[in-house]
C-alpha atoms as a PDB file:
ATOM      1  CA  MET A   1     -16.492  -1.262  -7.082  1.00  0.00           C
ATOM      2  CA  GLY A   2     -18.530  -2.567  -9.920  1.00  0.00           C
ATOM      3  CA  GLU A   3     -17.880  -4.751 -12.879  1.00  0.00           C
ATOM      4  CA  LEU A   4     -16.510  -4.084 -16.196  1.00  0.00           C
ATOM      5  CA  SER A   5     -18.401  -5.658 -19.156  1.00  0.00           C
ATOM      6  CA  SER A   6     -16.587  -4.531 -22.281  1.00  0.00           C
ATOM      7  CA  VAL A   7     -12.996  -4.732 -23.582  1.00  0.00           C
ATOM      8  CA  GLU A   8     -13.060  -0.915 -23.931  1.00  0.00           C
ATOM      9  CA  GLU A   9     -14.016  -0.402 -20.273  1.00  0.00           C
ATOM     10  CA  ILE A  10     -11.334  -2.964 -19.194  1.00  0.00           C
ATOM     11  CA  LEU A  11      -8.616  -1.256 -21.186  1.00  0.00           C
ATOM     12  CA  GLU A  12      -9.594   2.110 -19.745  1.00  0.00           C
ATOM     13  CA  TYR A  13      -9.386   0.688 -16.293  1.00  0.00           C
ATOM     14  CA  ALA A  14      -6.011  -0.873 -16.999  1.00  0.00           C
ATOM     15  CA  ILE A  15      -4.785   2.546 -18.392  1.00  0.00           C
ATOM     16  CA  THR A  16      -5.871   4.143 -15.063  1.00  0.00           C
ATOM     17  CA  ARG A  17      -3.945   1.453 -13.124  1.00  0.00           C
ATOM     18  CA  GLU A  18      -0.800   2.120 -15.210  1.00  0.00           C
ATOM     19  CA  VAL A  19      -1.075   5.921 -14.452  1.00  0.00           C
ATOM     20  CA  GLU A  20      -1.289   5.066 -10.723  1.00  0.00           C
ATOM     21  CA  ALA A  21       1.638   2.690 -10.943  1.00  0.00           C
ATOM     22  CA  ASN A  22       3.706   5.453 -12.540  1.00  0.00           C
ATOM     23  CA  GLU A  23       2.825   7.838  -9.758  1.00  0.00           C
ATOM     24  CA  PHE A  24       3.587   5.134  -7.110  1.00  0.00           C
ATOM     25  CA  TYR A  25       7.065   4.559  -8.519  1.00  0.00           C
ATOM     26  CA  LEU A  26       7.825   8.237  -8.855  1.00  0.00           C
ATOM     27  CA  ALA A  27       7.010   8.620  -5.155  1.00  0.00           C
ATOM     28  CA  LEU A  28       8.909   5.494  -4.199  1.00  0.00           C
ATOM     29  CA  ALA A  29      11.981   6.722  -6.020  1.00  0.00           C
ATOM     30  CA  ASP A  30      12.114   9.675  -3.672  1.00  0.00           C
ATOM     31  CA  ARG A  31      12.521   7.335  -0.734  1.00  0.00           C
ATOM     32  CA  VAL A  32      15.178   4.889  -2.065  1.00  0.00           C
ATOM     33  CA  GLU A  33      18.325   4.487  -0.158  1.00  0.00           C
ATOM     34  CA  ASN A  34      20.319   2.670  -2.912  1.00  0.00           C
ATOM     35  CA  PRO A  35      21.016   4.985  -5.961  1.00  0.00           C
ATOM     36  CA  ALA A  36      21.103   2.072  -8.352  1.00  0.00           C
ATOM     37  CA  MET A  37      17.703   0.948  -7.044  1.00  0.00           C
ATOM     38  CA  GLY A  38      16.360   4.522  -7.488  1.00  0.00           C
ATOM     39  CA  GLU A  39      17.372   4.384 -11.147  1.00  0.00           C
ATOM     40  CA  LEU A  40      15.646   1.092 -11.531  1.00  0.00           C
ATOM     41  CA  ILE A  41      12.507   2.335 -10.000  1.00  0.00           C
ATOM     42  CA  LEU A  42      12.436   5.384 -12.116  1.00  0.00           C
ATOM     43  CA  GLU A  43      12.783   3.035 -15.070  1.00  0.00           C
ATOM     44  CA  PHE A  44       9.770   1.101 -13.871  1.00  0.00           C
ATOM     45  CA  ALA A  45       7.871   4.517 -13.649  1.00  0.00           C
ATOM     46  CA  LYS A  46       8.745   5.088 -17.292  1.00  0.00           C
ATOM     47  CA  GLU A  47       7.810   1.606 -18.334  1.00  0.00           C
ATOM     48  CA  GLU A  48       4.392   1.975 -16.628  1.00  0.00           C
ATOM     49  CA  LEU A  49       3.821   4.975 -18.997  1.00  0.00           C
ATOM     50  CA  GLU A  50       4.825   2.809 -21.873  1.00  0.00           C
ATOM     51  CA  HIS A  51       2.265   0.198 -20.686  1.00  0.00           C
ATOM     52  CA  LYS A  52      -0.262   2.983 -20.754  1.00  0.00           C
ATOM     53  CA  ALA A  53       0.653   3.900 -24.334  1.00  0.00           C
ATOM     54  CA  LYS A  54       0.293   0.327 -25.457  1.00  0.00           C
ATOM     55  CA  LEU A  55      -3.172   0.106 -23.922  1.00  0.00           C
ATOM     56  CA  GLU A  56      -4.190   3.397 -25.409  1.00  0.00           C
ATOM     57  CA  LEU A  57      -3.102   2.127 -28.818  1.00  0.00           C
ATOM     58  CA  GLU A  58      -5.301  -0.937 -28.283  1.00  0.00           C
ATOM     59  CA  VAL A  59      -8.227   1.489 -27.422  1.00  0.00           C
ATOM     60  CA  MET A  60      -7.620   3.528 -30.562  1.00  0.00           C
ATOM     61  CA  LYS A  61      -7.468   0.370 -32.729  1.00  0.00           C
ATOM     62  CA  ARG A  62     -10.964  -0.490 -31.554  1.00  0.00           C
ATOM     63  CA  GLY A  63     -12.295   3.061 -32.365  1.00  0.00           C
ATOM     64  CA  LYS A  64     -13.612   3.193 -28.814  1.00  0.00           C
ATOM     65  CA  VAL A  65     -16.523   0.972 -30.109  1.00  0.00           C
ATOM     66  CA  VAL A  66     -16.877  -2.663 -29.116  1.00  0.00           C
ATOM     67  CA  ALA A  67     -19.351  -4.185 -31.429  1.00  0.00           C
ATOM     68  CA  GLU A  68     -18.462  -7.872 -31.320  1.00  0.00           C
ATOM     69  CA  ASP A  69     -20.268  -9.961 -28.904  1.00  0.00           C
ATOM     70  CA  GLU A  70     -17.197 -12.088 -28.324  1.00  0.00           C
ATOM     71  CA  ASP A  71     -15.519  -9.078 -26.744  1.00  0.00           C
ATOM     72  CA  ALA A  72     -18.157  -8.775 -24.043  1.00  0.00           C
ATOM     73  CA  VAL A  73     -16.517  -9.861 -20.914  1.00  0.00           C
ATOM     74  CA  GLU A  74     -17.125  -9.392 -17.172  1.00  0.00           C
ATOM     75  CA  LEU A  75     -14.514  -8.571 -14.874  1.00  0.00           C
ATOM     76  CA  LYS A  76     -14.947  -7.906 -11.109  1.00  0.00           C
ATOM     77  CA  LEU A  77     -12.775  -4.775 -10.146  1.00  0.00           C
ATOM     78  CA  THR A  78     -12.565  -5.835  -6.576  1.00  0.00           C
ATOM     79  CA  ASP A  79     -10.378  -8.710  -7.587  1.00  0.00           C
ATOM     80  CA  TYR A  80      -7.728  -6.231  -8.763  1.00  0.00           C
ATOM     81  CA  ILE A  81      -7.607  -3.710  -6.098  1.00  0.00           C
ATOM     82  CA  VAL A  82      -4.753  -3.290  -3.683  1.00  0.00           C
ATOM     83  CA  ASP A  83      -5.699  -1.522  -0.544  1.00  0.00           C
ATOM     84  CA  VAL A  84      -3.254   1.462  -0.065  1.00  0.00           C
ATOM     85  CA  VAL A  85      -3.185   3.380   3.067  1.00  0.00           C
ATOM     86  CA  ASP A  86      -1.702   6.793   2.404  1.00  0.00           C
ATOM     87  CA  ASN A  87       0.766   6.802   5.296  1.00  0.00           C
ATOM     88  CA  PRO A  88       3.782   9.143   4.941  1.00  0.00           C
ATOM     89  CA  ALA A  89       5.449   7.240   7.847  1.00  0.00           C
ATOM     90  CA  MET A  90       5.751   4.017   5.715  1.00  0.00           C
ATOM     91  CA  ASP A  91       9.357   2.965   5.573  1.00  0.00           C
ATOM     92  CA  TYR A  92      11.115   1.784   2.394  1.00  0.00           C
ATOM     93  CA  LYS A  93      10.602  -1.934   3.344  1.00  0.00           C
ATOM     94  CA  ASP A  94       6.804  -1.345   3.584  1.00  0.00           C
ATOM     95  CA  LEU A  95       6.748   0.535   0.299  1.00  0.00           C
ATOM     96  CA  LEU A  96       8.553  -2.427  -1.424  1.00  0.00           C
ATOM     97  CA  LEU A  97       6.037  -4.881   0.004  1.00  0.00           C
ATOM     98  CA  LEU A  98       3.221  -2.645  -1.368  1.00  0.00           C
ATOM     99  CA  GLY A  99       4.904  -2.349  -4.755  1.00  0.00           C
ATOM    100  CA  MET A 100       5.126  -6.205  -4.883  1.00  0.00           C
ATOM    101  CA  LYS A 101       1.463  -6.523  -4.088  1.00  0.00           C
ATOM    102  CA  LYS A 102       0.564  -3.936  -6.792  1.00  0.00           C
ATOM    103  CA  GLU A 103       2.739  -5.692  -9.374  1.00  0.00           C
ATOM    104  CA  LYS A 104       1.242  -9.059  -8.567  1.00  0.00           C
ATOM    105  CA  THR A 105      -2.227  -7.632  -8.942  1.00  0.00           C
ATOM    106  CA  SER A 106      -1.401  -6.026 -12.211  1.00  0.00           C
ATOM    107  CA  PHE A 107       0.145  -9.335 -13.497  1.00  0.00           C
ATOM    108  CA  ARG A 108      -2.988 -11.226 -12.492  1.00  0.00           C
ATOM    109  CA  LEU A 109      -5.205  -8.652 -14.216  1.00  0.00           C
ATOM    110  CA  TYR A 110      -3.382  -8.944 -17.523  1.00  0.00           C
ATOM    111  CA  ILE A 111      -3.220 -12.802 -17.365  1.00  0.00           C
ATOM    112  CA  ASP A 112      -6.872 -12.999 -16.612  1.00  0.00           C
ATOM    113  CA  LEU A 113      -7.662 -10.639 -19.447  1.00  0.00           C
ATOM    114  CA  ALA A 114      -5.490 -12.531 -21.891  1.00  0.00           C
ATOM    115  CA  ALA A 115      -7.422 -15.663 -21.000  1.00  0.00           C
ATOM    116  CA  ILE A 116     -10.799 -14.281 -22.022  1.00  0.00           C
ATOM    117  CA  ILE A 117      -9.944 -11.897 -24.920  1.00  0.00           C
ATOM    118  CA  GLN A 118     -10.679 -13.214 -28.401  1.00  0.00           C
ATOM    119  CA  ASP A 119      -8.518 -10.782 -30.341  1.00  0.00           C
ATOM    120  CA  GLU A 120      -4.984 -12.431 -30.704  1.00  0.00           C
ATOM    121  CA  GLU A 121      -3.148  -9.172 -31.103  1.00  0.00           C
ATOM    122  CA  LEU A 122      -4.601  -7.763 -27.919  1.00  0.00           C
ATOM    123  CA  ARG A 123      -3.912 -11.012 -26.106  1.00  0.00           C
ATOM    124  CA  GLU A 124      -0.360 -10.881 -27.078  1.00  0.00           C
ATOM    125  CA  THR A 125      -0.172  -7.252 -25.711  1.00  0.00           C
ATOM    126  CA  LEU A 126      -1.699  -8.241 -22.521  1.00  0.00           C
ATOM    127  CA  LEU A 127       0.694 -11.277 -22.087  1.00  0.00           C
ATOM    128  CA  SER A 128       3.632  -8.885 -22.830  1.00  0.00           C
ATOM    129  CA  LEU A 129       2.361  -6.439 -20.168  1.00  0.00           C
ATOM    130  CA  ALA A 130       1.986  -9.314 -17.669  1.00  0.00           C
ATOM    131  CA  GLU A 131       5.561 -10.427 -18.237  1.00  0.00           C
ATOM    132  CA  GLU A 132       6.836  -6.846 -17.586  1.00  0.00           C
ATOM    133  CA  GLU A 133       4.777  -6.555 -14.421  1.00  0.00           C
ATOM    134  CA  ALA A 134       6.169  -9.979 -13.239  1.00  0.00           C
ATOM    135  CA  ARG A 135       9.766  -8.614 -13.871  1.00  0.00           C
ATOM    136  CA  HIS A 136       9.041  -5.572 -11.798  1.00  0.00           C
ATOM    137  CA  LYS A 137       7.706  -7.769  -8.895  1.00  0.00           C
ATOM    138  CA  VAL A 138      11.000  -9.883  -9.002  1.00  0.00           C
ATOM    139  CA  GLN A 139      13.171  -6.752  -8.929  1.00  0.00           C
ATOM    140  CA  LEU A 140      11.261  -5.349  -5.981  1.00  0.00           C
ATOM    141  CA  GLU A 141      11.564  -8.811  -4.165  1.00  0.00           C
ATOM    142  CA  ILE A 142      15.355  -8.759  -4.752  1.00  0.00           C
ATOM    143  CA  ASP A 143      15.648  -5.242  -3.289  1.00  0.00           C
ATOM    144  CA  TYR A 144      13.458  -6.236  -0.382  1.00  0.00           C
ATOM    145  CA  ASP A 145      15.666  -9.231   0.300  1.00  0.00           C
ATOM    146  CA  GLU A 146      18.682  -7.087   0.260  1.00  0.00           C
ATOM    147  CA  VAL A 147      17.112  -4.493   2.565  1.00  0.00           C
ATOM    148  CA  VAL A 148      15.978  -7.096   5.080  1.00  0.00           C
ATOM    149  CA  LEU A 149      19.121  -9.178   5.022  1.00  0.00           C
ATOM    150  CA  ARG A 150      21.283  -6.106   5.279  1.00  0.00           C
ATOM    151  CA  LYS A 151      19.546  -4.973   8.496  1.00  0.00           C
ATOM    152  CA  ASN A 152      19.631  -8.479  10.079  1.00  0.00           C
END
């Protein structure tokens, strides 16, 4: 993976990540044992599409042109990749662990971006997205604890 050097490229990358997160949650919802958790995971999937829409709005606000030097940033994509092995045999507990890793990585991406972005409105959007990703991670951790404790 390479590096991203403009805010537009970073936003496009984040949009792709949100689409992937939506697809992950839709697949995870099919494997949930607890119906209430299934509804929560479907809500996560919906929220990831809302994140995508917020990021797309930021791209549109910029007119897909980044002219200001202060918006030139550098981001190493390898810092924000979660290796996913497509294994249909993964059990629910493993999928929850994977979800937690993905949410933590997304949280870190948005926090790191907010720290280097000069545009205050965009920074607030990124911090809001980071907060939502952290909430997702906590919910997955709660369900993981319930699954692990229930089986022990």
